[in-house]
């Protein structure tokens, strides 16, 4: 997958997965890169097959 973004957030990983499943036209992959000891802040790498899906996620990322 050619289009990626790294994202750090405090919300639910499940919410991100749900958003991706509901809003992506192409395939995507999630890799957990890091997490704080208290599990509150997560850093993930998202890979998208479709550049438009990546841009759509970046525009919506503040909701997580």
PDB file of N, CA and C in Angstrom:
ATOM      1  N   UNK A   1       0.846  -1.172   0.000  1.00  0.00           N
ATOM      2  CA  UNK A   1       0.000   0.000   0.000  1.00  0.00           C
ATOM      3  C   UNK A   1       0.889   1.232   0.000  1.00  0.00           C
ATOM      4  N   UNK A   2       0.576   2.138  -0.858  1.00  0.00           N
ATOM      5  CA  UNK A   2       1.492   3.232  -1.151  1.00  0.00           C
ATOM      6  C   UNK A   2       1.244   4.518  -0.369  1.00  0.00           C
ATOM      7  N   UNK A   3       0.150   4.630   0.346  1.00  0.00           N
ATOM      8  CA  UNK A   3      -0.213   5.902   0.978  1.00  0.00           C
ATOM      9  C   UNK A   3      -0.358   5.699   2.480  1.00  0.00           C
ATOM     10  N   UNK A   4       0.515   6.340   3.245  1.00  0.00           N
ATOM     11  CA  UNK A   4       0.493   6.116   4.683  1.00  0.00           C
ATOM     12  C   UNK A   4       0.474   7.399   5.483  1.00  0.00           C
ATOM     13  N   UNK A   5       0.112   7.243   6.738  1.00  0.00           N
ATOM     14  CA  UNK A   5       0.122   8.346   7.689  1.00  0.00           C
ATOM     15  C   UNK A   5       0.315   7.742   9.078  1.00  0.00           C
ATOM     16  N   UNK A   6       1.088   8.425   9.916  1.00  0.00           N
ATOM     17  CA  UNK A   6       1.221   8.021  11.307  1.00  0.00           C
ATOM     18  C   UNK A   6       0.343   8.942  12.136  1.00  0.00           C
ATOM     19  N   UNK A   7      -0.343   8.366  13.122  1.00  0.00           N
ATOM     20  CA  UNK A   7      -1.382   9.093  13.834  1.00  0.00           C
ATOM     21  C   UNK A   7      -1.315   8.740  15.319  1.00  0.00           C
ATOM     22  N   UNK A   8      -1.287   9.762  16.178  1.00  0.00           N
ATOM     23  CA  UNK A   8      -1.307   9.573  17.626  1.00  0.00           C
ATOM     24  C   UNK A   8      -2.602  10.160  18.163  1.00  0.00           C
ATOM     25  N   UNK A   9      -3.274   9.388  19.030  1.00  0.00           N
ATOM     26  CA  UNK A   9      -4.588   9.812  19.525  1.00  0.00           C
ATOM     27  C   UNK A   9      -4.865   9.191  20.881  1.00  0.00           C
ATOM     28  N   UNK A  10      -5.896   9.688  21.544  1.00  0.00           N
ATOM     29  CA  UNK A  10      -6.281   9.195  22.871  1.00  0.00           C
ATOM     30  C   UNK A  10      -7.591   8.420  22.851  1.00  0.00           C
ATOM     31  N   UNK A  11      -8.265   8.414  21.743  1.00  0.00           N
ATOM     32  CA  UNK A  11      -9.565   7.757  21.674  1.00  0.00           C
ATOM     33  C   UNK A  11      -9.465   6.252  21.520  1.00  0.00           C
ATOM     34  N   UNK A  12     -10.546   5.675  21.125  1.00  0.00           N
ATOM     35  CA  UNK A  12     -10.666   4.230  20.981  1.00  0.00           C
ATOM     36  C   UNK A  12     -10.125   3.765  19.632  1.00  0.00           C
ATOM     37  N   UNK A  13      -9.315   2.723  19.651  1.00  0.00           N
ATOM     38  CA  UNK A  13      -8.847   2.126  18.400  1.00  0.00           C
ATOM     39  C   UNK A  13     -10.022   1.547  17.627  1.00  0.00           C
ATOM     40  N   UNK A  14     -10.986   1.037  18.335  1.00  0.00           N
ATOM     41  CA  UNK A  14     -12.183   0.494  17.697  1.00  0.00           C
ATOM     42  C   UNK A  14     -12.923   1.572  16.900  1.00  0.00           C
ATOM     43  N   UNK A  15     -12.965   2.795  17.417  1.00  0.00           N
ATOM     44  CA  UNK A  15     -13.623   3.895  16.705  1.00  0.00           C
ATOM     45  C   UNK A  15     -12.899   4.198  15.399  1.00  0.00           C
ATOM     46  N   UNK A  16     -11.572   4.154  15.422  1.00  0.00           N
ATOM     47  CA  UNK A  16     -10.786   4.377  14.199  1.00  0.00           C
ATOM     48  C   UNK A  16     -11.067   3.257  13.201  1.00  0.00           C
ATOM     49  N   UNK A  17     -11.057   2.020  13.667  1.00  0.00           N
ATOM     50  CA  UNK A  17     -11.338   0.881  12.786  1.00  0.00           C
ATOM     51  C   UNK A  17     -12.725   0.991  12.175  1.00  0.00           C
ATOM     52  N   UNK A  18     -13.710   1.345  12.980  1.00  0.00           N
ATOM     53  CA  UNK A  18     -15.078   1.502  12.471  1.00  0.00           C
ATOM     54  C   UNK A  18     -15.138   2.589  11.400  1.00  0.00           C
ATOM     55  N   UNK A  19     -14.458   3.722  11.658  1.00  0.00           N
ATOM     56  CA  UNK A  19     -14.458   4.806  10.688  1.00  0.00           C
ATOM     57  C   UNK A  19     -13.838   4.334   9.377  1.00  0.00           C
ATOM     58  N   UNK A  20     -12.710   3.642   9.468  1.00  0.00           N
ATOM     59  CA  UNK A  20     -12.034   3.157   8.266  1.00  0.00           C
ATOM     60  C   UNK A  20     -12.924   2.204   7.474  1.00  0.00           C
ATOM     61  N   UNK A  21     -13.568   1.286   8.166  1.00  0.00           N
ATOM     62  CA  UNK A  21     -14.447   0.336   7.483  1.00  0.00           C
ATOM     63  C   UNK A  21     -15.629   1.026   6.812  1.00  0.00           C
ATOM     64  N   UNK A  22     -16.148   2.068   7.431  1.00  0.00           N
ATOM     65  CA  UNK A  22     -17.315   2.778   6.899  1.00  0.00           C
ATOM     66  C   UNK A  22     -16.971   3.782   5.802  1.00  0.00           C
ATOM     67  N   UNK A  23     -15.728   4.276   5.759  1.00  0.00           N
ATOM     68  CA  UNK A  23     -15.413   5.405   4.888  1.00  0.00           C
ATOM     69  C   UNK A  23     -14.354   5.160   3.822  1.00  0.00           C
ATOM     70  N   UNK A  24     -13.672   4.042   3.851  1.00  0.00           N
ATOM     71  CA  UNK A  24     -12.628   3.786   2.859  1.00  0.00           C
ATOM     72  C   UNK A  24     -13.181   3.010   1.674  1.00  0.00           C
ATOM     73  N   UNK A  25     -12.801   3.455   0.488  1.00  0.00           N
ATOM     74  CA  UNK A  25     -13.203   2.749  -0.728  1.00  0.00           C
ATOM     75  C   UNK A  25     -12.256   1.591  -1.035  1.00  0.00           C
ATOM     76  N   UNK A  26     -10.984   1.742  -0.669  1.00  0.00           N
ATOM     77  CA  UNK A  26      -9.985   0.713  -0.937  1.00  0.00           C
ATOM     78  C   UNK A  26      -9.542   0.009   0.326  1.00  0.00           C
ATOM     79  N   UNK A  27      -8.539  -0.824   0.169  1.00  0.00           N
ATOM     80  CA  UNK A  27      -7.986  -1.563   1.302  1.00  0.00           C
ATOM     81  C   UNK A  27      -7.181  -0.628   2.203  1.00  0.00           C
ATOM     82  N   UNK A  28      -7.036  -1.034   3.455  1.00  0.00           N
ATOM     83  CA  UNK A  28      -6.225  -0.283   4.412  1.00  0.00           C
ATOM     84  C   UNK A  28      -5.613  -1.268   5.396  1.00  0.00           C
ATOM     85  N   UNK A  29      -4.581  -0.816   6.091  1.00  0.00           N
ATOM     86  CA  UNK A  29      -3.926  -1.639   7.100  1.00  0.00           C
ATOM     87  C   UNK A  29      -3.574  -0.758   8.285  1.00  0.00           C
ATOM     88  N   UNK A  30      -3.729  -1.286   9.490  1.00  0.00           N
ATOM     89  CA  UNK A  30      -3.400  -0.575  10.731  1.00  0.00           C
ATOM     90  C   UNK A  30      -2.259  -1.319  11.417  1.00  0.00           C
ATOM     91  N   UNK A  31      -1.207  -0.576  11.801  1.00  0.00           N
ATOM     92  CA  UNK A  31      -0.103  -1.142  12.566  1.00  0.00           C
ATOM     93  C   UNK A  31       0.055  -0.299  13.824  1.00  0.00           C
ATOM     94  N   UNK A  32       0.019  -0.932  14.993  1.00  0.00           N
ATOM     95  CA  UNK A  32       0.247  -0.207  16.246  1.00  0.00           C
ATOM     96  C   UNK A  32       1.749   0.003  16.388  1.00  0.00           C
ATOM     97  N   UNK A  33       2.156   1.267  16.472  1.00  0.00           N
ATOM     98  CA  UNK A  33       3.569   1.630  16.553  1.00  0.00           C
ATOM     99  C   UNK A  33       4.005   1.818  17.999  1.00  0.00           C
ATOM    100  N   UNK A  34       3.121   2.355  18.837  1.00  0.00           N
ATOM    101  CA  UNK A  34       3.460   2.583  20.234  1.00  0.00           C
ATOM    102  C   UNK A  34       2.243   2.891  21.068  1.00  0.00           C
ATOM    103  N   UNK A  35       2.437   2.780  22.392  1.00  0.00           N
ATOM    104  CA  UNK A  35       1.347   3.031  23.319  1.00  0.00           C
ATOM    105  C   UNK A  35       1.953   3.463  24.652  1.00  0.00           C
ATOM    106  N   UNK A  36       1.295   4.400  25.323  1.00  0.00           N
ATOM    107  CA  UNK A  36       1.768   4.794  26.641  1.00  0.00           C
ATOM    108  C   UNK A  36       1.495   3.666  27.631  1.00  0.00           C
ATOM    109  N   UNK A  37       2.203   3.686  28.753  1.00  0.00           N
ATOM    110  CA  UNK A  37       2.038   2.633  29.759  1.00  0.00           C
ATOM    111  C   UNK A  37       0.608   2.529  30.270  1.00  0.00           C
ATOM    112  N   UNK A  38      -0.093   3.656  30.340  1.00  0.00           N
ATOM    113  CA  UNK A  38      -1.475   3.629  30.819  1.00  0.00           C
ATOM    114  C   UNK A  38      -2.484   3.313  29.703  1.00  0.00           C
ATOM    115  N   UNK A  39      -1.978   3.053  28.495  1.00  0.00           N
ATOM    116  CA  UNK A  39      -2.777   2.661  27.317  1.00  0.00           C
ATOM    117  C   UNK A  39      -3.690   3.766  26.798  1.00  0.00           C
ATOM    118  N   UNK A  40      -3.525   4.986  27.276  1.00  0.00           N
ATOM    119  CA  UNK A  40      -4.413   6.078  26.851  1.00  0.00           C
ATOM    120  C   UNK A  40      -4.018   6.655  25.494  1.00  0.00           C
ATOM    121  N   UNK A  41      -2.726   6.863  25.242  1.00  0.00           N
ATOM    122  CA  UNK A  41      -2.288   7.433  23.969  1.00  0.00           C
ATOM    123  C   UNK A  41      -1.694   6.321  23.117  1.00  0.00           C
ATOM    124  N   UNK A  42      -2.178   6.255  21.896  1.00  0.00           N
ATOM    125  CA  UNK A  42      -1.735   5.246  20.957  1.00  0.00           C
ATOM    126  C   UNK A  42      -1.159   5.916  19.725  1.00  0.00           C
ATOM    127  N   UNK A  43      -0.135   5.332  19.162  1.00  0.00           N
ATOM    128  CA  UNK A  43       0.392   5.772  17.878  1.00  0.00           C
ATOM    129  C   UNK A  43       0.245   4.613  16.914  1.00  0.00           C
ATOM    130  N   UNK A  44      -0.422   4.887  15.803  1.00  0.00           N
ATOM    131  CA  UNK A  44      -0.638   3.857  14.798  1.00  0.00           C
ATOM    132  C   UNK A  44      -0.134   4.363  13.451  1.00  0.00           C
ATOM    133  N   UNK A  45       0.187   3.427  12.604  1.00  0.00           N
ATOM    134  CA  UNK A  45       0.509   3.741  11.219  1.00  0.00           C
ATOM    135  C   UNK A  45      -0.624   3.183  10.377  1.00  0.00           C
ATOM    136  N   UNK A  46      -1.189   4.032   9.566  1.00  0.00           N
ATOM    137  CA  UNK A  46      -2.275   3.629   8.675  1.00  0.00           C
ATOM    138  C   UNK A  46      -1.753   3.628   7.250  1.00  0.00           C
ATOM    139  N   UNK A  47      -1.974   2.548   6.559  1.00  0.00           N
ATOM    140  CA  UNK A  47      -1.579   2.432   5.156  1.00  0.00           C
ATOM    141  C   UNK A  47      -2.846   2.260   4.325  1.00  0.00           C
ATOM    142  N   UNK A  48      -2.916   3.020   3.256  1.00  0.00           N
ATOM    143  CA  UNK A  48      -4.100   3.018   2.398  1.00  0.00           C
ATOM    144  C   UNK A  48      -3.713   2.644   0.975  1.00  0.00           C
ATOM    145  N   UNK A  49      -4.547   1.878   0.322  1.00  0.00           N
ATOM    146  CA  UNK A  49      -4.362   1.575  -1.090  1.00  0.00           C
ATOM    147  C   UNK A  49      -4.751   2.781  -1.950  1.00  0.00           C
ATOM    148  N   UNK A  50      -5.594   3.628  -1.417  1.00  0.00           N
ATOM    149  CA  UNK A  50      -6.180   4.738  -2.165  1.00  0.00           C
ATOM    150  C   UNK A  50      -5.788   6.067  -1.496  1.00  0.00           C
ATOM    151  N   UNK A  51      -5.169   6.969  -2.242  1.00  0.00           N
ATOM    152  CA  UNK A  51      -4.754   8.267  -1.695  1.00  0.00           C
ATOM    153  C   UNK A  51      -5.949   9.087  -1.213  1.00  0.00           C
ATOM    154  N   UNK A  52      -7.089   8.963  -1.873  1.00  0.00           N
ATOM    155  CA  UNK A  52      -8.280   9.698  -1.445  1.00  0.00           C
ATOM    156  C   UNK A  52      -8.755   9.240  -0.064  1.00  0.00           C
ATOM    157  N   UNK A  53      -8.627   7.947   0.219  1.00  0.00           N
ATOM    158  CA  UNK A  53      -8.991   7.443   1.546  1.00  0.00           C
ATOM    159  C   UNK A  53      -8.089   8.060   2.611  1.00  0.00           C
ATOM    160  N   UNK A  54      -6.788   8.156   2.321  1.00  0.00           N
ATOM    161  CA  UNK A  54      -5.860   8.773   3.273  1.00  0.00           C
ATOM    162  C   UNK A  54      -6.243  10.221   3.529  1.00  0.00           C
ATOM    163  N   UNK A  55      -6.534  10.965   2.502  1.00  0.00           N
ATOM    164  CA  UNK A  55      -6.886  12.375   2.664  1.00  0.00           C
ATOM    165  C   UNK A  55      -8.209  12.531   3.409  1.00  0.00           C
ATOM    166  N   UNK A  56      -9.149  11.642   3.150  1.00  0.00           N
ATOM    167  CA  UNK A  56     -10.438  11.666   3.848  1.00  0.00           C
ATOM    168  C   UNK A  56     -10.217  11.398   5.341  1.00  0.00           C
ATOM    169  N   UNK A  57      -9.326  10.442   5.660  1.00  0.00           N
ATOM    170  CA  UNK A  57      -9.030  10.170   7.068  1.00  0.00           C
ATOM    171  C   UNK A  57      -8.360  11.368   7.726  1.00  0.00           C
ATOM    172  N   UNK A  58      -7.375  11.957   7.070  1.00  0.00           N
ATOM    173  CA  UNK A  58      -6.669  13.097   7.640  1.00  0.00           C
ATOM    174  C   UNK A  58      -7.641  14.252   7.929  1.00  0.00           C
ATOM    175  N   UNK A  59      -8.626  14.448   7.071  1.00  0.00           N
ATOM    176  CA  UNK A  59      -9.607  15.514   7.267  1.00  0.00           C
ATOM    177  C   UNK A  59     -10.531  15.232   8.446  1.00  0.00           C
ATOM    178  N   UNK A  60     -10.667  13.961   8.817  1.00  0.00           N
ATOM    179  CA  UNK A  60     -11.583  13.575   9.891  1.00  0.00           C
ATOM    180  C   UNK A  60     -10.876  13.175  11.182  1.00  0.00           C
ATOM    181  N   UNK A  61      -9.556  13.168  11.192  1.00  0.00           N
ATOM    182  CA  UNK A  61      -8.781  12.613  12.299  1.00  0.00           C
ATOM    183  C   UNK A  61      -9.019  13.324  13.633  1.00  0.00           C
ATOM    184  N   UNK A  62      -9.425  14.585  13.609  1.00  0.00           N
ATOM    185  CA  UNK A  62      -9.607  15.316  14.868  1.00  0.00           C
ATOM    186  C   UNK A  62     -10.777  14.774  15.700  1.00  0.00           C
ATOM    187  N   UNK A  63     -11.614  13.933  15.146  1.00  0.00           N
ATOM    188  CA  UNK A  63     -12.724  13.351  15.900  1.00  0.00           C
ATOM    189  C   UNK A  63     -12.289  12.208  16.810  1.00  0.00           C
ATOM    190  N   UNK A  64     -11.055  11.751  16.681  1.00  0.00           N
ATOM    191  CA  UNK A  64     -10.576  10.652  17.499  1.00  0.00           C
ATOM    192  C   UNK A  64      -9.725  11.180  18.638  1.00  0.00           C
TER     193      UNK A  64
END
